[in-house]
Structure formats: structure tokens, C-alpha cells
Protein backbone atom coordinates (compact mmCIF):
# COMPACT_ATOMS: atom_id res chain seq x y z
CA MET A 1 63.31 114.39 78.39
CA SER A 2 64.82 111.24 76.90
CA VAL A 3 68.38 111.86 75.78
CA ARG A 4 70.22 109.11 73.98
CA ARG A 5 73.72 108.60 75.30
CA VAL A 6 76.00 108.67 72.28
CA PHE A 7 79.78 108.52 72.71
CA SER A 8 81.37 111.95 72.42
CA PRO A 9 85.16 112.41 72.33
CA CYS A 10 85.44 116.04 73.20
CA HIS A 11 83.77 119.41 73.03
CA VAL A 12 84.81 121.22 69.86
CA ALA A 13 83.04 124.49 70.38
CA ALA A 14 86.51 125.94 70.27
CA GLN A 15 87.22 129.34 68.85
CA THR A 16 90.91 128.75 68.18
CA VAL A 17 93.13 126.49 66.14
CA ALA A 18 94.81 125.25 69.30
CA ALA A 19 91.48 124.02 70.56
CA SER A 20 90.77 122.28 67.26
CA ALA A 21 94.07 120.43 67.57
CA LEU A 22 93.09 119.17 71.01
CA ALA A 23 89.69 118.19 69.69
CA ALA A 24 91.09 116.18 66.81
CA SER A 25 93.64 114.47 69.03
CA ALA A 26 91.03 113.56 71.62
CA LEU A 27 88.73 112.28 68.89
CA ALA A 28 91.39 109.84 67.71
CA VAL A 29 92.46 108.62 71.15
CA ALA A 30 89.03 108.36 72.74
CA SER A 31 87.44 106.67 69.74
CA ALA A 32 90.17 104.06 69.61
CA ALA A 33 89.73 103.32 73.32
CA TYR A 34 85.96 103.11 72.97
CA ALA A 35 86.10 100.80 69.98
CA ALA A 36 88.53 98.52 71.80
CA THR A 37 85.97 97.83 74.53
CA THR A 38 82.65 98.07 72.67
CA ALA A 39 81.34 96.50 69.48
CA ALA A 40 80.13 99.87 68.21
CA PRO A 41 77.85 99.74 65.17
CA THR A 42 78.81 101.83 62.15
CA SER A 43 75.22 102.60 61.17
CA PRO A 44 72.40 103.97 63.33
CA SER A 45 69.99 101.68 65.12
CA ALA A 46 66.40 102.56 65.92
CA SER A 47 67.41 104.07 69.24
CA SER A 48 69.81 106.39 67.44
CA LEU A 49 66.98 108.76 66.72
CA SER A 50 66.08 109.29 70.35
CA LYS A 51 65.80 112.93 71.33
CA MET A 52 69.09 114.84 71.61
CA PRO A 53 69.54 118.38 72.90
CA ASP A 54 70.81 121.03 70.50
CA SER A 55 73.95 121.47 72.59
CA TYR A 56 74.93 117.86 71.96
CA LEU A 57 74.13 118.06 68.25
CA GLU A 58 76.29 121.17 67.93
CA MET A 59 79.24 119.55 69.68
CA ALA A 60 79.02 116.27 67.78
CA ALA A 61 78.46 118.01 64.45
CA LYS A 62 81.61 120.10 64.80
CA ASP A 63 83.68 117.02 65.59
CA ILE A 64 82.36 115.08 62.62
CA TYR A 65 82.59 118.03 60.23
CA PHE A 66 86.26 118.54 61.06
CA TRP A 67 87.03 114.83 60.84
CA ALA A 68 85.21 114.24 57.53
CA TRP A 69 86.23 117.49 55.81
CA PRO A 70 89.10 115.99 53.72
CA MET A 71 87.05 112.95 52.67
CA THR A 72 84.12 115.13 51.67
CA ASN A 73 86.49 117.38 49.72
CA LEU A 74 87.80 114.51 47.62
CA TYR A 75 84.38 112.89 47.18
CA ASN A 76 82.90 116.15 45.89
CA ARG A 77 85.69 116.45 43.33
CA ARG A 78 84.67 113.02 42.00
CA LEU A 79 81.02 114.09 41.78
CA THR A 80 81.90 117.34 40.03
CA PHE A 81 83.67 115.74 37.08
CA LYS A 82 82.04 112.30 36.82
CA ASP A 83 79.77 113.20 33.90
CA LEU A 84 82.35 114.85 31.66
CA PRO A 85 82.30 113.23 28.20
CA HIS A 86 86.06 112.68 28.08
CA ALA A 87 89.37 113.89 29.46
CA GLY A 88 90.34 117.48 28.74
CA LEU A 89 91.34 120.83 30.21
CA MET A 90 88.89 122.80 32.35
CA GLY A 91 89.00 126.39 31.15
CA GLY A 92 91.89 125.30 28.94
CA THR A 93 94.00 125.19 32.12
CA VAL A 94 93.37 122.28 34.49
CA PRO A 95 93.47 118.55 33.62
CA VAL A 96 90.10 116.93 34.41
CA GLY A 97 88.10 113.98 33.18
CA PRO A 98 85.25 111.63 34.02
CA SER A 99 85.84 109.00 36.68
CA ASN A 100 88.69 106.59 35.90
CA ARG A 101 89.99 108.73 33.01
CA LEU A 102 93.35 110.44 33.28
CA SER A 103 93.98 113.90 31.87
CA MET A 104 97.47 115.39 31.50
CA LEU A 105 98.96 118.78 30.85
CA SER A 106 101.79 119.11 28.35
CA ASP A 107 103.53 122.04 30.09
CA TYR A 108 103.46 123.88 33.42
CA ILE A 109 100.08 124.72 34.89
CA THR A 110 99.03 128.34 34.34
CA PRO A 111 98.34 131.00 37.00
CA ASP A 112 94.57 131.14 36.46
CA GLU A 113 94.07 127.65 37.91
CA ARG A 114 91.75 127.63 40.98
CA LEU A 115 90.81 123.96 41.51
CA VAL A 116 93.80 123.02 43.72
CA ALA A 117 95.67 125.46 45.97
CA CYS A 118 99.48 125.63 45.92
CA PRO A 119 100.22 124.44 42.38
CA ASN A 120 103.83 124.44 41.18
CA GLN A 121 105.69 125.15 37.98
CA ASP A 122 108.37 122.52 38.45
CA VAL A 123 106.43 119.58 37.03
CA VAL A 124 103.93 118.70 34.35
CA TYR A 125 100.78 117.62 36.18
CA GLY A 126 98.03 115.12 35.50
CA PHE A 127 94.86 114.27 37.39
CA MET A 128 92.31 111.46 37.59
CA SER A 129 89.37 110.89 39.94
CA LEU A 130 89.14 107.25 40.93
CA ALA A 131 85.82 105.38 41.11
CA LEU A 132 87.03 101.88 41.90
CA ASP A 133 83.50 100.72 42.70
CA GLN A 134 82.84 101.09 38.96
CA SER A 135 86.02 99.43 37.68
CA PRO A 136 89.64 98.68 38.48
CA VAL A 137 92.01 101.08 36.73
CA VAL A 138 95.13 100.32 34.68
CA ILE A 139 98.01 102.77 35.15
CA GLN A 140 100.64 103.04 32.42
CA VAL A 141 104.25 103.85 33.30
CA PRO A 142 106.43 104.74 30.29
CA ASP A 143 110.21 104.82 30.23
CA PHE A 144 111.20 108.15 31.81
CA GLY A 145 114.93 107.55 31.45
CA ASN A 146 116.79 109.74 33.96
CA ARG A 147 113.93 112.20 34.35
CA PHE A 148 112.37 112.60 37.81
CA TRP A 149 108.77 111.45 38.08
CA VAL A 150 106.29 110.29 40.68
CA TYR A 151 102.65 109.22 40.52
CA GLN A 152 100.72 110.20 43.62
CA VAL A 153 97.91 107.68 44.24
CA VAL A 154 95.66 108.44 47.21
CA ASP A 155 92.43 107.15 48.69
CA LEU A 156 89.44 109.09 50.00
CA ARG A 157 91.42 110.04 53.11
CA THR A 158 94.24 111.50 50.94
CA ASP A 159 96.50 108.69 52.19
CA SER A 160 98.76 107.03 49.63
CA PHE A 161 98.10 103.39 48.73
CA ALA A 162 100.50 102.88 45.80
CA ASP A 163 104.22 103.60 45.59
CA MET A 164 105.12 104.56 42.03
CA GLY A 165 108.02 106.78 41.06
CA LYS A 166 111.70 107.19 40.46
CA MET A 167 112.51 106.88 44.18
CA TYR A 168 110.89 103.43 44.18
CA GLY A 169 112.69 102.14 41.10
CA THR A 170 109.32 101.55 39.41
CA LYS A 171 109.78 99.85 36.05
CA PRO A 172 107.92 100.74 32.85
CA GLY A 173 104.78 98.70 32.45
CA PHE A 174 101.18 98.32 33.57
CA TYR A 175 99.91 98.54 37.13
CA LEU A 176 96.42 97.88 38.46
CA LEU A 177 94.45 99.83 41.07
CA VAL A 178 91.55 97.93 42.64
CA GLY A 179 88.92 98.75 45.24
CA PRO A 180 88.68 97.22 48.71
CA ASP A 181 86.14 94.57 47.70
CA TRP A 182 87.34 93.66 44.19
CA LYS A 183 87.74 89.90 43.64
CA GLY A 184 88.32 89.75 39.90
CA THR A 185 91.06 88.10 37.85
CA VAL A 186 94.29 89.99 37.21
CA PRO A 187 95.10 89.74 33.50
CA LYS A 188 98.47 88.72 32.15
CA GLY A 189 100.76 91.69 31.63
CA ILE A 190 99.97 93.53 34.87
CA THR A 191 103.17 94.09 36.86
CA LYS A 192 101.64 94.79 40.27
CA VAL A 193 98.25 95.29 41.92
CA PHE A 194 97.58 98.04 44.48
CA ARG A 195 94.44 97.72 46.62
CA ALA A 196 92.79 100.89 47.90
CA ARG A 197 91.05 101.28 51.26
CA SER A 198 88.21 103.21 49.61
CA ASN A 199 86.50 103.34 46.24
CA THR A 200 87.10 107.04 45.66
CA GLY A 201 90.59 108.47 45.29
CA ALA A 202 92.88 110.39 42.98
CA VAL A 203 95.92 109.82 40.77
CA ILE A 204 98.26 112.76 40.18
CA PRO A 205 101.32 112.20 37.94
CA ARG A 206 104.15 114.71 38.38
CA VAL A 207 106.96 114.81 35.81
CA PHE A 208 109.89 117.18 36.21
CA GLN A 209 110.53 119.74 33.48
CA ASP A 210 113.12 122.49 33.53
CA ASP A 211 112.41 125.95 32.10
CA THR A 212 114.40 125.60 28.86
CA PRO A 213 112.72 125.27 25.45
CA GLN A 214 114.78 122.15 24.84
CA ASP A 215 113.39 120.33 27.86
CA LYS A 216 109.82 121.44 27.20
CA LYS A 217 110.20 119.63 23.88
CA ALA A 218 112.06 116.61 25.26
CA VAL A 219 109.46 115.89 27.96
CA GLN A 220 106.70 115.35 25.39
CA ALA A 221 107.90 111.84 24.47
CA PRO A 222 107.47 110.28 27.92
CA LEU A 223 104.29 112.28 28.51
CA THR A 224 102.55 110.50 25.63
CA GLY A 225 103.01 107.19 27.44
CA ILE A 226 101.29 108.35 30.64
CA ASN A 227 97.74 107.06 30.64
CA ALA A 228 95.11 105.40 32.83
CA TYR A 229 91.80 103.78 31.94
CA PRO A 230 89.29 101.11 33.07
CA LEU A 231 90.52 97.52 33.14
CA SER A 232 88.10 96.53 30.37
CA GLU A 233 90.18 98.62 27.93
CA PHE A 234 93.50 96.96 28.77
CA THR A 235 95.18 95.47 25.70
CA GLY A 236 98.67 94.75 27.01
CA LYS A 237 100.06 97.48 24.76
CA MET A 238 100.91 101.08 25.62
CA GLN A 239 98.04 103.37 24.65
CA LEU A 240 99.71 106.63 23.66
CA VAL A 241 98.11 110.09 23.87
CA ASP A 242 99.26 113.41 22.44
CA TRP A 243 98.35 115.58 25.42
CA THR A 244 99.15 118.77 23.49
CA LYS A 245 95.85 118.19 21.68
CA SER A 246 93.63 117.82 24.74
CA PRO A 247 90.15 119.27 24.21
CA LYS A 248 89.02 122.20 26.35
CA PHE A 249 85.99 122.55 28.59
CA PRO A 250 84.44 125.82 29.74
CA ALA A 251 85.79 127.11 33.03
CA GLN A 252 83.79 126.52 36.20
CA ALA A 253 81.79 129.41 37.57
CA SER A 254 84.31 131.66 39.28
CA SER A 255 84.55 131.62 43.06
CA GLY A 256 86.86 134.63 43.03
CA ASP A 257 90.57 134.48 43.68
CA ALA A 258 90.39 131.63 46.20
CA GLU A 259 90.34 127.87 45.67
CA THR A 260 87.05 126.32 44.60
CA LYS A 261 84.98 125.65 47.73
CA TRP A 262 84.80 121.87 47.71
CA VAL A 263 83.14 121.45 51.11
CA VAL A 264 79.91 123.41 51.60
CA PRO A 265 78.48 123.24 55.14
CA GLU A 266 74.90 123.59 53.88
CA LYS A 267 75.29 120.43 51.77
CA PHE A 268 77.62 118.48 54.06
CA TRP A 269 75.00 116.28 55.77
CA ASP A 270 73.38 115.41 52.43
CA THR A 271 76.54 113.73 51.09
CA LEU A 272 78.18 112.44 54.28
CA GLY A 273 76.29 109.14 54.18
CA ALA A 274 77.73 108.31 50.77
CA VAL A 275 81.20 109.38 51.92
CA LEU A 276 81.02 107.00 54.89
CA LYS A 277 79.94 104.10 52.68
CA ASP A 278 82.82 104.77 50.29
CA ALA A 279 85.59 104.17 52.84
CA LYS A 280 85.33 101.51 55.52
CA PRO A 281 86.38 102.44 59.06
CA LEU A 282 90.03 102.22 59.93
CA PRO A 283 90.77 100.11 63.03
CA GLY A 284 89.39 102.03 65.99
CA GLU A 285 87.08 104.23 63.90
CA GLU A 286 83.88 102.25 64.43
CA ALA A 287 82.64 104.67 67.10
CA ILE A 288 83.28 107.67 64.88
CA TYR A 289 81.36 106.08 62.01
CA ALA A 290 78.47 105.19 64.32
CA ARG A 291 78.23 108.75 65.56
CA ALA A 292 78.53 110.21 62.06
CA ASN A 293 75.83 107.91 60.68
CA THR A 294 73.57 108.84 63.59
CA LEU A 295 73.90 112.53 62.70
CA VAL A 296 73.19 111.77 59.03
CA ALA A 297 70.01 109.95 60.07
CA VAL A 298 68.97 112.80 62.38
CA ALA A 299 69.50 115.36 59.61
CA ALA A 300 67.34 113.32 57.25
CA ALA A 301 64.55 112.76 59.77
CA ASP A 302 64.25 116.10 61.54
CA PRO A 303 64.38 119.41 59.60
CA LYS A 304 64.84 121.48 62.76
CA ALA A 305 67.69 119.28 63.95
CA LYS A 306 69.24 119.57 60.49
CA GLU A 307 69.22 123.36 60.85
CA VAL A 308 71.22 122.95 64.05
CA LEU A 309 73.65 120.57 62.36
CA VAL A 310 74.13 122.84 59.34
CA LYS A 311 74.79 125.87 61.54
CA ALA A 312 77.30 123.88 63.61
CA ALA A 313 79.06 122.77 60.42
CA ALA A 314 79.21 126.37 59.19
CA ASP A 315 80.59 127.50 62.54
CA ALA A 316 83.23 124.76 62.48
CA ASP A 317 84.16 125.72 58.93
CA LYS A 318 84.72 129.34 59.91
CA GLN A 319 86.15 128.93 63.40
CA ILE A 320 88.23 125.76 63.12
CA VAL A 321 88.89 124.77 59.49
CA ASP A 322 89.43 128.21 57.89
CA PRO A 323 92.31 129.23 60.22
CA LEU A 324 94.22 126.13 59.09
CA PHE A 325 94.59 127.70 55.66
CA GLN A 326 97.45 129.71 57.20
CA PHE A 327 100.64 127.67 57.30
CA ARG A 328 101.76 129.30 60.55
CA ASN A 329 98.81 127.77 62.40
CA TYR A 330 99.86 124.13 62.23
CA GLY A 331 102.74 121.76 61.60
CA LEU A 332 106.13 121.01 63.15
CA GLN A 333 107.80 124.31 64.00
CA LEU A 334 111.34 124.76 62.69
CA PRO A 335 114.06 127.41 63.09
CA ALA A 336 113.44 130.84 61.53
CA ASN A 337 109.63 130.36 61.60
CA TRP A 338 109.52 127.66 58.94
CA SER A 339 107.20 124.69 59.47
CA THR A 340 106.68 121.27 57.93
CA VAL A 341 104.70 118.04 58.27
CA LYS A 342 106.19 114.56 58.47
CA ASN A 343 103.17 112.41 57.63
CA GLY A 344 101.89 113.78 54.34
CA ALA A 345 99.70 111.26 52.47
CA ASN A 346 100.19 108.97 55.46
CA PHE A 347 97.96 110.66 58.00
CA GLY A 348 96.24 107.60 59.46
CA SER A 349 94.39 108.77 62.57
CA ASP A 350 96.08 112.19 62.69
CA TYR A 351 92.84 113.92 61.80
CA PHE A 352 94.10 117.36 62.70
CA THR A 353 97.04 117.38 60.28
CA ARG A 354 95.02 115.70 57.54
CA THR A 355 92.38 118.42 57.64
CA ALA A 356 94.98 121.19 57.98
CA ALA A 357 96.90 119.94 54.94
CA ALA A 358 93.71 119.45 52.93
CA LYS A 359 92.59 123.00 53.69
CA SER A 360 95.89 124.74 52.94
CA ASN A 361 97.49 122.54 50.26
CA ILE A 362 95.70 119.29 49.52
CA PHE A 363 97.44 116.42 47.68
CA ILE A 364 100.83 116.67 49.37
CA ASN A 365 103.10 113.69 48.75
CA LYS A 366 104.55 111.24 51.24
CA VAL A 367 107.63 112.66 52.95
CA ASN A 368 110.06 110.28 51.22
CA GLU A 369 108.70 111.54 47.89
CA THR A 370 108.56 115.23 48.80
CA GLN A 371 109.09 117.12 52.01
CA TYR A 372 107.50 120.56 52.10
CA PHE A 373 108.53 123.62 54.09
CA TYR A 374 106.07 126.45 54.70
CA GLN A 375 106.65 130.10 55.54
CA ASP A 376 104.27 132.97 56.31
CA LEU A 377 106.70 135.04 58.40
CA ASP A 378 110.09 136.72 58.15
CA ALA A 379 112.97 135.96 60.52
CA ASP A 380 111.51 138.39 63.08
CA GLY A 381 108.10 136.74 63.06
CA ILE A 382 106.41 139.47 60.99
CA ARG A 383 103.93 138.53 58.24
CA LEU A 384 105.52 138.51 54.77
CA ASN A 385 104.29 141.44 52.69
CA GLY A 386 105.20 142.74 49.25
CA ALA A 387 105.63 146.23 50.68
CA ASN A 388 109.00 144.95 51.97
CA LYS A 389 112.06 143.38 50.39
CA TYR A 390 113.47 140.04 51.55
CA THR A 391 116.42 137.77 50.93
CA VAL A 392 116.79 134.02 51.33
CA THR A 393 120.46 133.01 51.39
CA PHE A 394 121.56 129.38 51.23
CA PRO A 395 125.12 129.01 52.61
CA LYS A 396 127.77 127.44 50.41
CA GLY A 397 127.05 123.74 50.03
CA ALA A 398 123.68 124.06 51.77
CA LEU A 399 121.17 124.11 48.95
CA PRO A 400 118.35 121.66 49.71
CA PRO A 401 119.93 118.15 49.61
CA VAL A 402 117.77 116.20 47.18
CA ARG A 403 118.03 113.35 44.70
CA GLY A 404 115.22 114.82 42.63
CA PHE A 405 114.86 118.61 42.60
CA TRP A 406 113.99 121.55 44.84
CA SER A 407 112.16 124.82 44.40
CA LEU A 408 111.10 127.95 46.27
CA THR A 409 107.61 129.08 45.22
CA LEU A 410 105.81 132.30 46.13
CA TYR A 411 102.03 132.24 46.67
CA ASN A 412 99.66 135.13 47.14
CA GLN A 413 97.25 135.33 50.07
CA HIS A 414 94.99 132.75 48.38
CA HIS A 415 97.83 130.23 47.85
CA PHE A 416 97.98 130.75 44.10
CA PHE A 417 100.62 132.33 41.87
CA ALA A 418 101.13 136.08 42.17
CA ASP A 419 100.97 137.57 38.69
CA ASN A 420 104.12 139.40 37.58
CA ALA A 421 105.72 140.70 34.38
CA LEU A 422 108.37 137.95 34.31
CA LYS A 423 105.73 135.20 34.61
CA ARG A 424 108.06 133.72 37.21
CA TYR A 425 106.52 131.97 40.20
CA SER A 426 109.36 129.85 41.55
CA LEU A 427 113.12 129.40 41.54
CA GLY A 428 115.15 126.23 41.94
CA THR A 429 116.63 123.26 40.12
CA LYS A 430 114.66 124.03 36.96
CA ASN A 431 116.39 127.41 36.58
CA LYS A 432 119.71 127.08 34.80
CA ASN A 433 120.89 130.67 35.29
CA LEU A 434 120.84 131.09 39.08
CA GLN A 435 123.93 133.03 40.11
CA PRO A 436 125.92 132.16 43.27
CA ASN A 437 127.61 134.80 45.40
CA ALA A 438 131.40 135.21 45.39
CA ASP A 439 131.69 133.06 48.54
CA GLY A 440 129.68 130.22 47.00
CA SER A 441 126.44 130.98 48.80
CA MET A 442 123.18 131.56 46.91
CA THR A 443 120.88 134.53 47.57
CA LEU A 444 117.34 134.67 46.25
CA TYR A 445 115.64 138.09 46.22
CA VAL A 446 111.95 138.19 47.13
CA GLN A 447 110.42 141.59 46.41
CA SER A 448 107.94 143.37 44.17
CA ASP A 449 110.45 145.35 42.10
CA SER A 450 113.65 144.26 40.39
CA PRO A 451 116.75 143.97 42.58
CA GLY A 452 118.81 145.14 39.60
CA ALA A 453 119.82 143.63 36.30
CA ASP A 454 122.79 141.78 37.82
CA LYS A 455 120.53 140.04 40.35
CA GLU A 456 117.41 139.53 38.27
CA SER A 457 118.17 135.86 37.55
CA ASN A 458 117.74 135.24 41.29
CA TRP A 459 114.62 137.38 41.68
CA LEU A 460 111.33 135.87 42.83
CA PRO A 461 108.70 138.59 42.23
CA ALA A 462 106.28 139.37 45.06
CA PRO A 463 102.88 141.12 44.85
CA LYS A 464 102.93 144.83 45.65
CA ALA A 465 101.89 145.65 49.23
CA GLU A 466 100.06 142.32 49.70
CA GLU A 467 100.67 139.43 52.06
CA PHE A 468 102.24 136.30 50.59
CA SER A 469 103.75 132.95 51.58
CA LEU A 470 106.87 131.04 50.59
CA TYR A 471 106.95 127.30 50.03
CA ILE A 472 109.96 125.02 49.54
CA ARG A 473 109.56 121.64 47.84
CA THR A 474 112.28 119.03 48.17
CA TYR A 475 111.51 116.15 45.82
CA TRP A 476 113.14 112.84 46.76
CA PRO A 477 114.82 114.38 49.81
CA GLN A 478 118.09 113.05 51.15
CA GLU A 479 118.58 111.89 54.73
CA GLN A 480 119.68 115.35 55.97
CA ILE A 481 116.18 116.61 55.21
CA LEU A 482 114.32 113.55 56.47
CA SER A 483 116.24 113.57 59.77
CA GLY A 484 115.80 117.30 60.29
CA ALA A 485 119.53 118.04 60.07
CA TRP A 486 118.82 120.44 57.18
CA THR A 487 116.21 123.17 57.50
CA PRO A 488 115.65 126.24 55.29
CA PRO A 489 117.54 129.48 55.93
CA PRO A 490 115.71 132.51 57.38
CA VAL A 491 113.72 134.96 55.28
CA ASN A 492 115.46 138.20 56.15
CA LYS A 493 113.85 141.58 55.66
CA ALA A 494 116.18 143.84 53.71
CA PRO A 495 117.07 147.25 55.25
């Protein structure tokens, strides 16, 4: 039989997360080496459709599925909301809008949100899907005063391409986001232009708010100045919006307690071609694109081969991607079973970490904006469970060293808030009544029932007899965090 020789980086028929890490690493290294010596096309030639055995299709499909999973995730979010009539709140809860239209909350996000795993109640969120092939987008930055804020601006790969926030000293004004091929004229009044490496992306404003009624009121003034819209609507004047009056859309069809499934193996090969056209290859990725486009062409031309490709994608989803939902299965390992990543929103060719982060908690910031610490286990390496009681004690002078704020959030097994009578899902800078111990240390109590009235200010409620995870955010971290000199204290099981 005639078998076309197509470059293959590795065999990803792995059954374990460790094997998927090796696969992703080999994919990056081998593809870069191949591209350096060969002018690999990024679209299939006629010979691309030569006969290929199922075993090859399965191997190649798993590689490409893992590699393209984050890009497909973000692209499908754009497709989902592109035809909305205007910005608003999905289910009255989540900010959404048509392409190139920002939507903002006016308070913390609520626990029924299921569009993005690992939300927090430290900031007021916004969201916009970018379609820079349709138009450049103007981003408004109001005067936030001393309040912490950051706008996350990412491309199709979930890599940041614009630095905007308090840690950057960004001034109030107008900023322009443009696509990779835009050659238009920048109008007077634009402070800076940021060029994306893809046409699809996302903008996510985060504005700190503490849990007092006074601050919930005070934050409304700067929130009205947050806006984003197509360049054609730019007037040079701030376009203010009262986000407390955002219209509501019906909720999406429920997918249960888990995050909306943004990547569906059965539909993956139907959209991958458009995903590949949206973002040009990074240096060294030409071979990957050529192989991916070949599989797209095979899926379109041969129904039986497509069945093989779809099954391989489904197997990769279950065997390789799904395990990365658990924080303990990836990342830099730290003392006391905590873990972290150091290249959030700056993944480049680290395909393994990009997919792991996208699966477990997509839209993480760059490390200088926020460093995250993840925990599934107690100090003894046992899975956290609400059937037990735990303490997290920060020694005197050893609260997370930040210039912005910090928080400890509890997530249920689906990485969403665990409902509780206090409606409390995190503790940290926003809480003004945390009580230190007599020696100056600070103990937080993580358990399903109250630790007692005298300790309730420091209580983070856990679900009863269910597994959960803990998650520390350090916004605008100081050097002790960035260097690794500071790491979180252990999660100790109480007697």
C-alpha cells in the first residue's frame, strides 16, 4: 500500500498525564528542528491525501487535538456569542456580547456561573470576544485612582499581547487592538497600538473590590468608564456605560455542574481549519500546521478516515486532556503539595502547560500580574475533602507579599464555588475583619461547619463530605513570590 510519509513528533497513544507531557514536549522540540531544515508547507498539497493507515491517523490526531485544544476552546467561545444583539448578562450572571463588544459586571460574579472555571470574588469582571479580522477595537481606560486593576488581553493561544494595568503604570486614555494584517491609519487620540498574533482573542478587565458596602458603591464610578468597541465608533471622548443596567439573556442549556464543554471531539475536525487560518504559525510551527491541515483535508475527503480521527480525538480528550483538570497533575511542584505555573499567558511553545491551564482554569494572567498557587491535597498528600477539617496558618509577617491583593478561594470538584450559608467563597485582602492569632500569625479555617463564633471571620466554608481544591491568587506579586522565596503554608488536617 502507498503510505505518505508525514512528519510525526511522537506517539501520543499514552494513557497517562506523564506521557502527555512527554508528547507535548517532543512535539515542540521535533517540530522546531524539522522546520529549521525543511520548508514545510502549512496547507496540504495533492500528495497529502495519499493513503495513511489508521494507526498513523490515530497517533497524529491525538497530537494535534492536544496541541489545538486551547485555540479551539477560545475560537468556539467567539462563535457562540458572535450573533448576540448587544452586550449583556447571560442568565443574568455572566458578561457576554457579540464580537468586539465588551460586557461588564457591576459586582462580584455569582456562584451559578458555568462558562469559565475558577472564577473569583475579589474583582469585578468583564469579557469581550475579539474578532480583529472584522475591525480593530478601541479599549477605554478610565482613571482608577489607587484602585488595583488589570486588563487581560490574549490572543487565540491565550497568550497576552497587550500590557495594561496598574503594575504597568497605564495612563487613562484610549488604546487600540489590531489584527496581524491590519494596515489602517491610527486616529489622533489613541495612546498606544497593540498588535495581536491572531484575529480571535479575548479581553477580560479585572477591577478590585473589597466586600464592604462602601466599596461596592465606590467602584461604580470607574466601572462606567470601562468600555471597548469597534474603531469606527471612536469619537475621542469617553463613552460611559451604567453596567448596573445591563440587559439579561437567557441562560445557556445546562451542561450540569461542570464548565461548559467548549471543545467537542465530534466537531473538532470541522472547525480546526478555521482555527488554523485565524492564527499564523509561530516560528518553528510550520510542520505542525502542515500536519494539522493534512488531517483536516483527510477528514473532509474520507468519511471512514474521519471516524478514525474523531475517535482518536475523543480518546485524547478522555485519556490526556481530562486528567489535566486536576491541579495535582501538572505544574511546578512546591513544598506542602502546592503547585504553580510560571508562564501563564506567555506559553509560547509550551503546549503541555497551555492545554493544562486551559482545561483546569483558562484565562490565567501573566505571572507579573498574578501568580497562582494550586492545591488538591493536604500536607500529608491526601485529597482534600469536606468530611475533614483543615487549617492554613500564615506565620507572622508571611502573608502573601503583594502590591495588589491576595486571596484564598475554595472550589468544589468542578472548580466552581461551593454553595454555603455565608455566601463566602474566598478570604483575603478584601475581607476587613480577618483576625490574627495572639502571636501575629493568621489561621484560616477550612471546613464544612463553623469553627466557632470567635473564629468565624476566618472561616472558609467547605462542601460536606465532597472533594474540593484551594487556590491562592497573588495579584501584582512582589519579588519574594516571583523568585520562589515565598510559597504558601501547608494545609493541615485538624485532629
